[in-house]
């Protein structure tokens, strides 16, 4: 694989996010000039505190992801771009089209369109989601698999939700699907000189560049809840699974330099685990912290119907085993007193 050159500059959008800040940290550790885009001064302060006076870090403001030309200035003299910015479920106030669909779709297509203004741009890597892959009608999910949700179905789901707490996650999944499809549709029609790759992670956990994100991230909190819960609640990660945010960051960065990933969807997913399995592994790893788990796994039978995800070798080589990820997650949270047992 080729390496970054001293003149390369990488733009990272959503740089204050769980994944975005981790990507920034890894780029800086590789000695890469990094331009981090955020939407507000408050977000910028978090990055400044994490990387004080770093000579290779430049912070720029892109207040709106959807305005035409929003990224033109940020993309000036940039060699590569990683687009992680996307509205999350906490932006959802009951209007899916306004809060999630349009920002996700327009934000993704805007950075691609604005990429045409930057003659130095070689490649864009866009963060999608396992949600864009989710197709309950297929037993094996591959790069060719797509979530079949339509805008009409998603809006109907919203209308009939009746306070269902899972609705924001389903709506978010639809937004990621629409955004990734729009990216590939635009790319196929425009045929720009730069390459495009998308990365589809599942539930992100692990040590973050901005320490509080290591437990405040909804997916990291989900894993911790599974560890400390007393009952046998169904596994929210079912048909999904956990992957370390640092592994996913590495996949994004390495994909910038690897031409074999051009025009590919990289499935950056870890193996799925039931809550019972999570607790059992945790006990085996840290018996002083987590008690033994007795009886049968109540989701063992259901797990047999969970789809298999076929990762390509590029992503597979960069994703560590769940046991290693879980051990590091437990140690980091407990040693830094980020959550109670």
C-alpha atoms as a PDB file:
ATOM      1  CA  UNK A   1       0.000   0.000   0.000  1.00  0.00           C
ATOM      2  CA  UNK A   2       1.222   3.497  -0.811  1.00  0.00           C
ATOM      3  CA  UNK A   3       1.774   5.994   1.985  1.00  0.00           C
ATOM      4  CA  UNK A   4       0.664   9.559   2.573  1.00  0.00           C
ATOM      5  CA  UNK A   5       3.079  12.198   1.292  1.00  0.00           C
ATOM      6  CA  UNK A   6       4.161  15.320   3.186  1.00  0.00           C
ATOM      7  CA  UNK A   7       1.970  17.457   0.909  1.00  0.00           C
ATOM      8  CA  UNK A   8      -1.210  15.385   1.334  1.00  0.00           C
ATOM      9  CA  UNK A   9      -4.095  16.992   3.184  1.00  0.00           C
ATOM     10  CA  UNK A  10      -7.156  15.054   4.396  1.00  0.00           C
ATOM     11  CA  UNK A  11     -10.534  16.634   5.118  1.00  0.00           C
ATOM     12  CA  UNK A  12     -12.599  14.908   7.828  1.00  0.00           C
ATOM     13  CA  UNK A  13     -16.220  16.021   8.196  1.00  0.00           C
ATOM     14  CA  UNK A  14     -18.067  15.424  11.442  1.00  0.00           C
ATOM     15  CA  UNK A  15     -14.640  15.615  13.058  1.00  0.00           C
ATOM     16  CA  UNK A  16     -16.011  16.082  16.572  1.00  0.00           C
ATOM     17  CA  UNK A  17     -18.054  12.869  16.412  1.00  0.00           C
ATOM     18  CA  UNK A  18     -17.217   9.479  17.905  1.00  0.00           C
ATOM     19  CA  UNK A  19     -15.840   8.108  14.640  1.00  0.00           C
ATOM     20  CA  UNK A  20     -14.701  11.417  13.145  1.00  0.00           C
ATOM     21  CA  UNK A  21     -12.506  12.378  16.108  1.00  0.00           C
ATOM     22  CA  UNK A  22     -10.970   8.904  16.133  1.00  0.00           C
ATOM     23  CA  UNK A  23     -10.099   9.269  12.450  1.00  0.00           C
ATOM     24  CA  UNK A  24      -8.551  12.676  13.177  1.00  0.00           C
ATOM     25  CA  UNK A  25      -6.451  11.175  15.978  1.00  0.00           C
ATOM     26  CA  UNK A  26      -5.124   8.393  13.756  1.00  0.00           C
ATOM     27  CA  UNK A  27      -4.348  10.739  10.872  1.00  0.00           C
ATOM     28  CA  UNK A  28      -2.397  13.044  13.159  1.00  0.00           C
ATOM     29  CA  UNK A  29      -0.493  10.084  14.606  1.00  0.00           C
ATOM     30  CA  UNK A  30       0.527   9.196  11.033  1.00  0.00           C
ATOM     31  CA  UNK A  31       1.856  12.703  10.489  1.00  0.00           C
ATOM     32  CA  UNK A  32      -0.883  13.701   8.028  1.00  0.00           C
ATOM     33  CA  UNK A  33      -2.066  17.271   7.594  1.00  0.00           C
ATOM     34  CA  UNK A  34      -5.675  17.045   8.744  1.00  0.00           C
ATOM     35  CA  UNK A  35      -8.445  19.543   8.073  1.00  0.00           C
ATOM     36  CA  UNK A  36     -11.288  18.888  10.511  1.00  0.00           C
ATOM     37  CA  UNK A  37     -14.696  20.335   9.717  1.00  0.00           C
ATOM     38  CA  UNK A  38     -17.246  21.027  12.450  1.00  0.00           C
ATOM     39  CA  UNK A  39     -20.532  22.879  12.556  1.00  0.00           C
ATOM     40  CA  UNK A  40     -20.063  25.024  15.663  1.00  0.00           C
ATOM     41  CA  UNK A  41     -17.486  26.699  17.893  1.00  0.00           C
ATOM     42  CA  UNK A  42     -18.504  24.387  20.747  1.00  0.00           C
ATOM     43  CA  UNK A  43     -17.575  21.369  18.638  1.00  0.00           C
ATOM     44  CA  UNK A  44     -14.272  23.008  17.738  1.00  0.00           C
ATOM     45  CA  UNK A  45     -13.407  23.506  21.411  1.00  0.00           C
ATOM     46  CA  UNK A  46     -13.660  19.767  22.047  1.00  0.00           C
ATOM     47  CA  UNK A  47     -11.150  19.055  19.285  1.00  0.00           C
ATOM     48  CA  UNK A  48      -8.816  21.800  20.462  1.00  0.00           C
ATOM     49  CA  UNK A  49      -8.844  20.299  23.946  1.00  0.00           C
ATOM     50  CA  UNK A  50      -8.138  16.804  22.621  1.00  0.00           C
ATOM     51  CA  UNK A  51      -5.326  17.955  20.308  1.00  0.00           C
ATOM     52  CA  UNK A  52      -3.971  21.180  21.827  1.00  0.00           C
ATOM     53  CA  UNK A  53      -1.967  23.338  19.416  1.00  0.00           C
ATOM     54  CA  UNK A  54      -1.293  20.402  17.102  1.00  0.00           C
ATOM     55  CA  UNK A  55       0.723  21.737  14.149  1.00  0.00           C
ATOM     56  CA  UNK A  56      -0.926  19.373  11.643  1.00  0.00           C
ATOM     57  CA  UNK A  57      -4.532  20.078  12.685  1.00  0.00           C
ATOM     58  CA  UNK A  58      -6.629  22.734  10.968  1.00  0.00           C
ATOM     59  CA  UNK A  59     -10.223  23.268  12.097  1.00  0.00           C
ATOM     60  CA  UNK A  60     -12.756  24.748   9.688  1.00  0.00           C
ATOM     61  CA  UNK A  61     -16.447  25.513  10.045  1.00  0.00           C
ATOM     62  CA  UNK A  62     -19.161  24.113   7.783  1.00  0.00           C
ATOM     63  CA  UNK A  63     -22.344  25.218   9.581  1.00  0.00           C
ATOM     64  CA  UNK A  64     -24.742  23.618   7.114  1.00  0.00           C
ATOM     65  CA  UNK A  65     -24.157  20.339   5.293  1.00  0.00           C
ATOM     66  CA  UNK A  66     -26.957  20.897   2.818  1.00  0.00           C
ATOM     67  CA  UNK A  67     -26.286  24.317   1.308  1.00  0.00           C
ATOM     68  CA  UNK A  68     -24.941  24.320  -2.237  1.00  0.00           C
ATOM     69  CA  UNK A  69     -21.200  24.880  -2.153  1.00  0.00           C
ATOM     70  CA  UNK A  70     -20.991  24.206   1.598  1.00  0.00           C
ATOM     71  CA  UNK A  71     -17.729  22.260   1.273  1.00  0.00           C
ATOM     72  CA  UNK A  72     -16.015  24.177  -1.524  1.00  0.00           C
ATOM     73  CA  UNK A  73     -13.747  26.145   0.797  1.00  0.00           C
ATOM     74  CA  UNK A  74     -13.057  23.158   3.062  1.00  0.00           C
ATOM     75  CA  UNK A  75     -12.031  21.043   0.046  1.00  0.00           C
ATOM     76  CA  UNK A  76      -9.528  23.558  -1.310  1.00  0.00           C
ATOM     77  CA  UNK A  77      -6.102  21.914  -1.804  1.00  0.00           C
ATOM     78  CA  UNK A  78      -7.381  18.678  -0.222  1.00  0.00           C
ATOM     79  CA  UNK A  79      -6.013  15.352  -1.470  1.00  0.00           C
ATOM     80  CA  UNK A  80      -8.531  13.067   0.241  1.00  0.00           C
ATOM     81  CA  UNK A  81     -11.830  13.485   2.077  1.00  0.00           C
ATOM     82  CA  UNK A  82     -13.582  11.332   4.669  1.00  0.00           C
ATOM     83  CA  UNK A  83     -17.239  12.223   5.124  1.00  0.00           C
ATOM     84  CA  UNK A  84     -18.561  10.988   8.483  1.00  0.00           C
ATOM     85  CA  UNK A  85     -20.955  13.864   9.175  1.00  0.00           C
ATOM     86  CA  UNK A  86     -24.602  12.838   9.310  1.00  0.00           C
ATOM     87  CA  UNK A  87     -27.568  13.696  11.547  1.00  0.00           C
ATOM     88  CA  UNK A  88     -28.077  11.182  14.363  1.00  0.00           C
ATOM     89  CA  UNK A  89     -31.272  10.087  16.081  1.00  0.00           C
ATOM     90  CA  UNK A  90     -30.965  12.870  18.660  1.00  0.00           C
ATOM     91  CA  UNK A  91     -31.681  15.299  15.806  1.00  0.00           C
ATOM     92  CA  UNK A  92     -35.030  13.574  15.236  1.00  0.00           C
ATOM     93  CA  UNK A  93     -37.967  15.650  16.498  1.00  0.00           C
ATOM     94  CA  UNK A  94     -40.771  13.858  14.724  1.00  0.00           C
ATOM     95  CA  UNK A  95     -40.199  15.055  11.165  1.00  0.00           C
ATOM     96  CA  UNK A  96     -38.053  12.436   9.458  1.00  0.00           C
ATOM     97  CA  UNK A  97     -37.818  14.198   6.124  1.00  0.00           C
ATOM     98  CA  UNK A  98     -36.621  17.479   7.633  1.00  0.00           C
ATOM     99  CA  UNK A  99     -34.532  16.110  10.521  1.00  0.00           C
ATOM    100  CA  UNK A 100     -32.831  13.091   8.941  1.00  0.00           C
ATOM    101  CA  UNK A 101     -33.594  12.287   5.302  1.00  0.00           C
ATOM    102  CA  UNK A 102     -32.767  15.599   3.653  1.00  0.00           C
ATOM    103  CA  UNK A 103     -29.678  16.441   5.782  1.00  0.00           C
ATOM    104  CA  UNK A 104     -28.179  12.956   5.275  1.00  0.00           C
ATOM    105  CA  UNK A 105     -28.921  12.784   1.556  1.00  0.00           C
ATOM    106  CA  UNK A 106     -28.013  16.373   0.674  1.00  0.00           C
ATOM    107  CA  UNK A 107     -24.964  16.399   2.934  1.00  0.00           C
ATOM    108  CA  UNK A 108     -23.510  13.386   1.148  1.00  0.00           C
ATOM    109  CA  UNK A 109     -24.262  14.552  -2.379  1.00  0.00           C
ATOM    110  CA  UNK A 110     -23.140  18.101  -1.577  1.00  0.00           C
ATOM    111  CA  UNK A 111     -19.604  17.079  -0.604  1.00  0.00           C
ATOM    112  CA  UNK A 112     -19.353  14.950  -3.746  1.00  0.00           C
ATOM    113  CA  UNK A 113     -20.600  17.747  -5.996  1.00  0.00           C
ATOM    114  CA  UNK A 114     -18.297  20.229  -4.290  1.00  0.00           C
ATOM    115  CA  UNK A 115     -15.443  17.802  -4.864  1.00  0.00           C
ATOM    116  CA  UNK A 116     -15.607  18.768  -8.537  1.00  0.00           C
ATOM    117  CA  UNK A 117     -14.255  22.183  -7.538  1.00  0.00           C
ATOM    118  CA  UNK A 118     -11.058  20.662  -6.111  1.00  0.00           C
ATOM    119  CA  UNK A 119      -8.606  19.501  -8.812  1.00  0.00           C
ATOM    120  CA  UNK A 120      -6.326  18.013  -6.133  1.00  0.00           C
ATOM    121  CA  UNK A 121      -8.987  15.627  -4.757  1.00  0.00           C
ATOM    122  CA  UNK A 122      -8.144  11.954  -5.391  1.00  0.00           C
ATOM    123  CA  UNK A 123     -10.698  10.070  -3.325  1.00  0.00           C
ATOM    124  CA  UNK A 124     -13.714  10.426  -1.032  1.00  0.00           C
ATOM    125  CA  UNK A 125     -14.609   7.821   1.591  1.00  0.00           C
ATOM    126  CA  UNK A 126     -18.158   8.111   2.915  1.00  0.00           C
ATOM    127  CA  UNK A 127     -19.389   6.578   6.168  1.00  0.00           C
ATOM    128  CA  UNK A 128     -22.591   4.649   5.597  1.00  0.00           C
ATOM    129  CA  UNK A 129     -24.046   2.098   8.014  1.00  0.00           C
ATOM    130  CA  UNK A 130     -24.970  -1.552   8.429  1.00  0.00           C
ATOM    131  CA  UNK A 131     -28.511  -0.149   8.313  1.00  0.00           C
ATOM    132  CA  UNK A 132     -28.077   0.465   4.568  1.00  0.00           C
ATOM    133  CA  UNK A 133     -27.383  -3.258   4.199  1.00  0.00           C
ATOM    134  CA  UNK A 134     -30.248  -4.552   6.336  1.00  0.00           C
ATOM    135  CA  UNK A 135     -32.504  -6.792   4.270  1.00  0.00           C
ATOM    136  CA  UNK A 136     -34.530  -9.253   6.290  1.00  0.00           C
ATOM    137  CA  UNK A 137     -35.456 -11.123   3.130  1.00  0.00           C
ATOM    138  CA  UNK A 138     -31.874 -12.323   2.571  1.00  0.00           C
ATOM    139  CA  UNK A 139     -29.936 -14.838   4.682  1.00  0.00           C
ATOM    140  CA  UNK A 140     -26.507 -13.680   3.502  1.00  0.00           C
ATOM    141  CA  UNK A 141     -25.586 -10.008   3.293  1.00  0.00           C
ATOM    142  CA  UNK A 142     -22.828  -8.953   0.880  1.00  0.00           C
ATOM    143  CA  UNK A 143     -21.645  -5.760  -0.795  1.00  0.00           C
ATOM    144  CA  UNK A 144     -24.514  -6.221  -3.217  1.00  0.00           C
ATOM    145  CA  UNK A 145     -27.191  -6.265  -0.498  1.00  0.00           C
ATOM    146  CA  UNK A 146     -29.333  -3.180   0.067  1.00  0.00           C
ATOM    147  CA  UNK A 147     -31.956  -2.198   2.594  1.00  0.00           C
ATOM    148  CA  UNK A 148     -35.149  -2.220   0.475  1.00  0.00           C
ATOM    149  CA  UNK A 149     -36.809   0.608   2.446  1.00  0.00           C
ATOM    150  CA  UNK A 150     -38.407   3.371   0.408  1.00  0.00           C
ATOM    151  CA  UNK A 151     -39.158   6.935   1.427  1.00  0.00           C
ATOM    152  CA  UNK A 152     -42.880   6.176   1.375  1.00  0.00           C
ATOM    153  CA  UNK A 153     -42.472   3.151   3.654  1.00  0.00           C
ATOM    154  CA  UNK A 154     -40.268   5.112   6.072  1.00  0.00           C
ATOM    155  CA  UNK A 155     -42.739   7.989   6.306  1.00  0.00           C
ATOM    156  CA  UNK A 156     -45.609   5.547   6.812  1.00  0.00           C
ATOM    157  CA  UNK A 157     -43.611   3.925   9.620  1.00  0.00           C
ATOM    158  CA  UNK A 158     -43.224   7.337  11.211  1.00  0.00           C
ATOM    159  CA  UNK A 159     -46.946   8.096  10.952  1.00  0.00           C
ATOM    160  CA  UNK A 160     -47.883   4.805  12.622  1.00  0.00           C
ATOM    161  CA  UNK A 161     -45.125   4.711  15.236  1.00  0.00           C
ATOM    162  CA  UNK A 162     -47.320   5.594  18.246  1.00  0.00           C
ATOM    163  CA  UNK A 163     -44.337   6.339  20.441  1.00  0.00           C
ATOM    164  CA  UNK A 164     -42.385   3.201  19.553  1.00  0.00           C
ATOM    165  CA  UNK A 165     -38.840   3.860  20.910  1.00  0.00           C
ATOM    166  CA  UNK A 166     -37.324   1.875  18.028  1.00  0.00           C
ATOM    167  CA  UNK A 167     -38.774   4.233  15.415  1.00  0.00           C
ATOM    168  CA  UNK A 168     -35.908   6.784  15.481  1.00  0.00           C
ATOM    169  CA  UNK A 169     -33.399   3.968  14.833  1.00  0.00           C
ATOM    170  CA  UNK A 170     -35.446   2.660  11.902  1.00  0.00           C
ATOM    171  CA  UNK A 171     -35.810   6.163  10.506  1.00  0.00           C
ATOM    172  CA  UNK A 172     -32.052   6.691  10.923  1.00  0.00           C
ATOM    173  CA  UNK A 173     -31.438   3.449   9.023  1.00  0.00           C
ATOM    174  CA  UNK A 174     -33.608   4.697   6.197  1.00  0.00           C
ATOM    175  CA  UNK A 175     -31.703   7.998   6.084  1.00  0.00           C
ATOM    176  CA  UNK A 176     -28.356   6.190   5.787  1.00  0.00           C
ATOM    177  CA  UNK A 177     -29.748   3.996   3.014  1.00  0.00           C
ATOM    178  CA  UNK A 178     -31.046   6.964   1.027  1.00  0.00           C
ATOM    179  CA  UNK A 179     -27.778   8.869   1.488  1.00  0.00           C
ATOM    180  CA  UNK A 180     -25.550   6.018   0.326  1.00  0.00           C
ATOM    181  CA  UNK A 181     -27.748   5.213  -2.674  1.00  0.00           C
ATOM    182  CA  UNK A 182     -27.729   8.891  -3.641  1.00  0.00           C
ATOM    183  CA  UNK A 183     -23.930   8.933  -3.426  1.00  0.00           C
ATOM    184  CA  UNK A 184     -23.534   5.975  -5.769  1.00  0.00           C
ATOM    185  CA  UNK A 185     -26.212   7.286  -8.146  1.00  0.00           C
ATOM    186  CA  UNK A 186     -24.492  10.672  -8.375  1.00  0.00           C
ATOM    187  CA  UNK A 187     -21.077   9.077  -8.775  1.00  0.00           C
ATOM    188  CA  UNK A 188     -22.252   6.821 -11.582  1.00  0.00           C
ATOM    189  CA  UNK A 189     -23.856   9.706 -13.442  1.00  0.00           C
ATOM    190  CA  UNK A 190     -21.190  12.389 -12.888  1.00  0.00           C
ATOM    191  CA  UNK A 191     -18.125  10.154 -13.387  1.00  0.00           C
ATOM    192  CA  UNK A 192     -15.766  12.508 -11.510  1.00  0.00           C
ATOM    193  CA  UNK A 193     -11.990  12.178 -11.621  1.00  0.00           C
ATOM    194  CA  UNK A 194     -11.846  11.234  -7.932  1.00  0.00           C
ATOM    195  CA  UNK A 195     -12.659   7.768  -6.562  1.00  0.00           C
ATOM    196  CA  UNK A 196     -15.454   6.851  -4.130  1.00  0.00           C
ATOM    197  CA  UNK A 197     -15.640   4.210  -1.400  1.00  0.00           C
ATOM    198  CA  UNK A 198     -18.272   3.691   1.289  1.00  0.00           C
ATOM    199  CA  UNK A 199     -17.749   2.065   4.690  1.00  0.00           C
ATOM    200  CA  UNK A 200     -20.627   0.314   6.457  1.00  0.00           C
ATOM    201  CA  UNK A 201     -19.920  -0.268  10.175  1.00  0.00           C
ATOM    202  CA  UNK A 202     -22.249  -1.800  12.714  1.00  0.00           C
ATOM    203  CA  UNK A 203     -22.370  -0.839  16.416  1.00  0.00           C
ATOM    204  CA  UNK A 204     -19.293   1.230  17.286  1.00  0.00           C
ATOM    205  CA  UNK A 205     -17.666   0.751  20.694  1.00  0.00           C
ATOM    206  CA  UNK A 206     -14.232   1.349  22.180  1.00  0.00           C
ATOM    207  CA  UNK A 207     -11.891   4.103  23.277  1.00  0.00           C
ATOM    208  CA  UNK A 208     -12.584   7.426  21.612  1.00  0.00           C
ATOM    209  CA  UNK A 209     -10.376  10.424  20.974  1.00  0.00           C
ATOM    210  CA  UNK A 210     -12.854  12.542  22.945  1.00  0.00           C
ATOM    211  CA  UNK A 211     -12.912  10.428  26.106  1.00  0.00           C
ATOM    212  CA  UNK A 212     -16.561  10.919  27.084  1.00  0.00           C
ATOM    213  CA  UNK A 213     -17.664   9.470  23.742  1.00  0.00           C
ATOM    214  CA  UNK A 214     -16.293   6.102  24.849  1.00  0.00           C
ATOM    215  CA  UNK A 215     -19.426   5.600  26.927  1.00  0.00           C
ATOM    216  CA  UNK A 216     -21.791   8.401  25.857  1.00  0.00           C
ATOM    217  CA  UNK A 217     -22.039   7.103  22.315  1.00  0.00           C
ATOM    218  CA  UNK A 218     -25.444   5.372  22.027  1.00  0.00           C
ATOM    219  CA  UNK A 219     -23.899   2.173  20.675  1.00  0.00           C
ATOM    220  CA  UNK A 220     -21.178   2.069  23.345  1.00  0.00           C
ATOM    221  CA  UNK A 221     -23.847   2.652  25.992  1.00  0.00           C
ATOM    222  CA  UNK A 222     -25.826  -0.215  24.483  1.00  0.00           C
ATOM    223  CA  UNK A 223     -22.923  -2.604  25.032  1.00  0.00           C
ATOM    224  CA  UNK A 224     -22.361  -1.390  28.584  1.00  0.00           C
ATOM    225  CA  UNK A 225     -26.069  -1.804  29.360  1.00  0.00           C
ATOM    226  CA  UNK A 226     -25.868  -5.369  28.072  1.00  0.00           C
ATOM    227  CA  UNK A 227     -22.938  -6.008  30.420  1.00  0.00           C
ATOM    228  CA  UNK A 228     -24.506  -4.618  33.592  1.00  0.00           C
ATOM    229  CA  UNK A 229     -28.183  -5.476  33.040  1.00  0.00           C
ATOM    230  CA  UNK A 230     -29.608  -7.898  35.580  1.00  0.00           C
ATOM    231  CA  UNK A 231     -32.341  -9.349  33.409  1.00  0.00           C
ATOM    232  CA  UNK A 232     -32.340 -11.006  30.022  1.00  0.00           C
ATOM    233  CA  UNK A 233     -33.457  -8.249  27.738  1.00  0.00           C
ATOM    234  CA  UNK A 234     -33.362  -9.031  24.010  1.00  0.00           C
ATOM    235  CA  UNK A 235     -30.166  -8.018  22.223  1.00  0.00           C
ATOM    236  CA  UNK A 236     -30.528  -4.673  20.501  1.00  0.00           C
ATOM    237  CA  UNK A 237     -27.401  -5.548  18.511  1.00  0.00           C
ATOM    238  CA  UNK A 238     -29.058  -8.604  16.998  1.00  0.00           C
ATOM    239  CA  UNK A 239     -28.371  -8.988  13.270  1.00  0.00           C
ATOM    240  CA  UNK A 240     -25.720  -6.337  13.756  1.00  0.00           C
ATOM    241  CA  UNK A 241     -22.894  -6.759  16.266  1.00  0.00           C
ATOM    242  CA  UNK A 242     -20.079  -4.666  17.697  1.00  0.00           C
ATOM    243  CA  UNK A 243     -16.901  -3.310  16.113  1.00  0.00           C
ATOM    244  CA  UNK A 244     -14.163  -1.143  17.610  1.00  0.00           C
ATOM    245  CA  UNK A 245     -14.319   2.489  16.515  1.00  0.00           C
ATOM    246  CA  UNK A 246     -10.514   2.498  16.082  1.00  0.00           C
ATOM    247  CA  UNK A 247     -10.671  -0.426  13.646  1.00  0.00           C
ATOM    248  CA  UNK A 248     -13.350   1.341  11.618  1.00  0.00           C
ATOM    249  CA  UNK A 249     -11.280   4.543  11.610  1.00  0.00           C
ATOM    250  CA  UNK A 250      -8.309   2.591  10.255  1.00  0.00           C
ATOM    251  CA  UNK A 251     -10.461   1.093   7.505  1.00  0.00           C
ATOM    252  CA  UNK A 252     -11.523   4.593   6.410  1.00  0.00           C
ATOM    253  CA  UNK A 253      -7.954   5.879   6.354  1.00  0.00           C
ATOM    254  CA  UNK A 254      -6.377   2.852   4.683  1.00  0.00           C
ATOM    255  CA  UNK A 255      -9.109   2.880   2.037  1.00  0.00           C
ATOM    256  CA  UNK A 256      -7.966   6.341   0.948  1.00  0.00           C
ATOM    257  CA  UNK A 257      -4.671   4.860  -0.223  1.00  0.00           C
ATOM    258  CA  UNK A 258      -5.803   1.459  -1.495  1.00  0.00           C
ATOM    259  CA  UNK A 259      -7.004   1.525  -5.098  1.00  0.00           C
ATOM    260  CA  UNK A 260      -8.571  -1.932  -4.813  1.00  0.00           C
ATOM    261  CA  UNK A 261     -11.237  -0.347  -2.602  1.00  0.00           C
ATOM    262  CA  UNK A 262     -12.277   2.166  -5.273  1.00  0.00           C
ATOM    263  CA  UNK A 263     -16.000   1.897  -6.066  1.00  0.00           C
ATOM    264  CA  UNK A 264     -16.459  -0.623  -3.238  1.00  0.00           C
ATOM    265  CA  UNK A 265     -18.741  -0.917  -0.228  1.00  0.00           C
ATOM    266  CA  UNK A 266     -16.583  -2.055   2.706  1.00  0.00           C
ATOM    267  CA  UNK A 267     -18.556  -3.966   5.317  1.00  0.00           C
ATOM    268  CA  UNK A 268     -16.803  -2.980   8.546  1.00  0.00           C
ATOM    269  CA  UNK A 269     -18.815  -5.228  10.822  1.00  0.00           C
ATOM    270  CA  UNK A 270     -17.992  -7.338  13.835  1.00  0.00           C
ATOM    271  CA  UNK A 271     -19.637 -10.629  14.716  1.00  0.00           C
ATOM    272  CA  UNK A 272     -23.107 -10.408  16.229  1.00  0.00           C
ATOM    273  CA  UNK A 273     -23.573 -11.513  19.837  1.00  0.00           C
ATOM    274  CA  UNK A 274     -26.588 -11.951  22.084  1.00  0.00           C
ATOM    275  CA  UNK A 275     -26.623 -10.226  25.463  1.00  0.00           C
ATOM    276  CA  UNK A 276     -26.164 -13.656  27.061  1.00  0.00           C
ATOM    277  CA  UNK A 277     -23.013 -14.223  25.018  1.00  0.00           C
ATOM    278  CA  UNK A 278     -21.712 -10.743  25.845  1.00  0.00           C
ATOM    279  CA  UNK A 279     -22.101 -11.390  29.568  1.00  0.00           C
ATOM    280  CA  UNK A 280     -20.517 -14.819  29.319  1.00  0.00           C
ATOM    281  CA  UNK A 281     -17.476 -13.481  27.470  1.00  0.00           C
ATOM    282  CA  UNK A 282     -17.192 -10.626  29.979  1.00  0.00           C
ATOM    283  CA  UNK A 283     -17.178 -13.083  32.889  1.00  0.00           C
ATOM    284  CA  UNK A 284     -14.490 -15.191  31.241  1.00  0.00           C
ATOM    285  CA  UNK A 285     -12.379 -12.087  30.585  1.00  0.00           C
ATOM    286  CA  UNK A 286     -12.903 -10.246  33.874  1.00  0.00           C
ATOM    287  CA  UNK A 287     -14.437 -12.618  36.472  1.00  0.00           C
ATOM    288  CA  UNK A 288     -13.620 -10.147  39.250  1.00  0.00           C
ATOM    289  CA  UNK A 289     -16.025  -7.640  37.699  1.00  0.00           C
ATOM    290  CA  UNK A 290     -18.769  -9.749  36.137  1.00  0.00           C
ATOM    291  CA  UNK A 291     -20.527 -12.731  37.646  1.00  0.00           C
ATOM    292  CA  UNK A 292     -21.041 -16.051  35.948  1.00  0.00           C
ATOM    293  CA  UNK A 293     -23.983 -16.532  33.621  1.00  0.00           C
ATOM    294  CA  UNK A 294     -26.059 -19.632  34.213  1.00  0.00           C
ATOM    295  CA  UNK A 295     -28.653 -21.429  32.153  1.00  0.00           C
ATOM    296  CA  UNK A 296     -29.436 -21.375  28.464  1.00  0.00           C
ATOM    297  CA  UNK A 297     -29.201 -18.445  26.104  1.00  0.00           C
ATOM    298  CA  UNK A 298     -32.834 -17.334  25.534  1.00  0.00           C
ATOM    299  CA  UNK A 299     -31.884 -16.044  22.099  1.00  0.00           C
ATOM    300  CA  UNK A 300     -29.885 -19.055  20.963  1.00  0.00           C
ATOM    301  CA  UNK A 301     -32.619 -20.341  18.687  1.00  0.00           C
ATOM    302  CA  UNK A 302     -33.406 -16.930  17.240  1.00  0.00           C
ATOM    303  CA  UNK A 303     -29.729 -16.284  16.529  1.00  0.00           C
ATOM    304  CA  UNK A 304     -29.735 -19.203  14.093  1.00  0.00           C
ATOM    305  CA  UNK A 305     -31.931 -17.089  11.818  1.00  0.00           C
ATOM    306  CA  UNK A 306     -29.670 -14.024  11.984  1.00  0.00           C
ATOM    307  CA  UNK A 307     -28.116 -13.315   8.577  1.00  0.00           C
ATOM    308  CA  UNK A 308     -24.463 -13.884   7.816  1.00  0.00           C
ATOM    309  CA  UNK A 309     -22.418 -10.898   6.682  1.00  0.00           C
ATOM    310  CA  UNK A 310     -19.716 -11.646   4.133  1.00  0.00           C
ATOM    311  CA  UNK A 311     -16.947  -9.086   4.573  1.00  0.00           C
ATOM    312  CA  UNK A 312     -14.322  -8.550   1.925  1.00  0.00           C
ATOM    313  CA  UNK A 313     -10.742  -9.313   2.930  1.00  0.00           C
ATOM    314  CA  UNK A 314      -9.696  -5.659   3.188  1.00  0.00           C
ATOM    315  CA  UNK A 315     -12.164  -4.982   6.010  1.00  0.00           C
ATOM    316  CA  UNK A 316     -11.813  -8.421   7.580  1.00  0.00           C
ATOM    317  CA  UNK A 317      -8.056  -7.984   8.006  1.00  0.00           C
ATOM    318  CA  UNK A 318      -8.594  -4.807  10.023  1.00  0.00           C
ATOM    319  CA  UNK A 319     -11.324  -5.927  12.435  1.00  0.00           C
ATOM    320  CA  UNK A 320     -10.153  -7.476  15.682  1.00  0.00           C
ATOM    321  CA  UNK A 321     -11.965 -10.321  17.508  1.00  0.00           C
ATOM    322  CA  UNK A 322     -14.873  -9.425  19.773  1.00  0.00           C
ATOM    323  CA  UNK A 323     -13.110 -10.805  22.866  1.00  0.00           C
ATOM    324  CA  UNK A 324     -10.210  -8.391  22.370  1.00  0.00           C
ATOM    325  CA  UNK A 325     -12.533  -5.462  21.699  1.00  0.00           C
ATOM    326  CA  UNK A 326     -14.644  -6.238  24.772  1.00  0.00           C
ATOM    327  CA  UNK A 327     -11.653  -6.625  27.111  1.00  0.00           C
ATOM    328  CA  UNK A 328     -10.239  -3.247  26.066  1.00  0.00           C
ATOM    329  CA  UNK A 329     -13.656  -1.585  26.324  1.00  0.00           C
ATOM    330  CA  UNK A 330     -14.241  -2.897  29.855  1.00  0.00           C
ATOM    331  CA  UNK A 331     -10.770  -1.903  31.024  1.00  0.00           C
ATOM    332  CA  UNK A 332     -10.998   1.588  29.557  1.00  0.00           C
ATOM    333  CA  UNK A 333     -14.433   2.327  31.012  1.00  0.00           C
ATOM    334  CA  UNK A 334     -13.629   0.974  34.460  1.00  0.00           C
ATOM    335  CA  UNK A 335     -10.115   2.423  34.768  1.00  0.00           C
ATOM    336  CA  UNK A 336     -11.365   5.875  33.777  1.00  0.00           C
ATOM    337  CA  UNK A 337     -14.541   5.546  35.886  1.00  0.00           C
ATOM    338  CA  UNK A 338     -16.755   6.443  32.924  1.00  0.00           C
ATOM    339  CA  UNK A 339     -19.675   4.287  34.098  1.00  0.00           C
ATOM    340  CA  UNK A 340     -20.787   2.333  37.139  1.00  0.00           C
ATOM    341  CA  UNK A 341     -20.888  -1.449  37.353  1.00  0.00           C
END
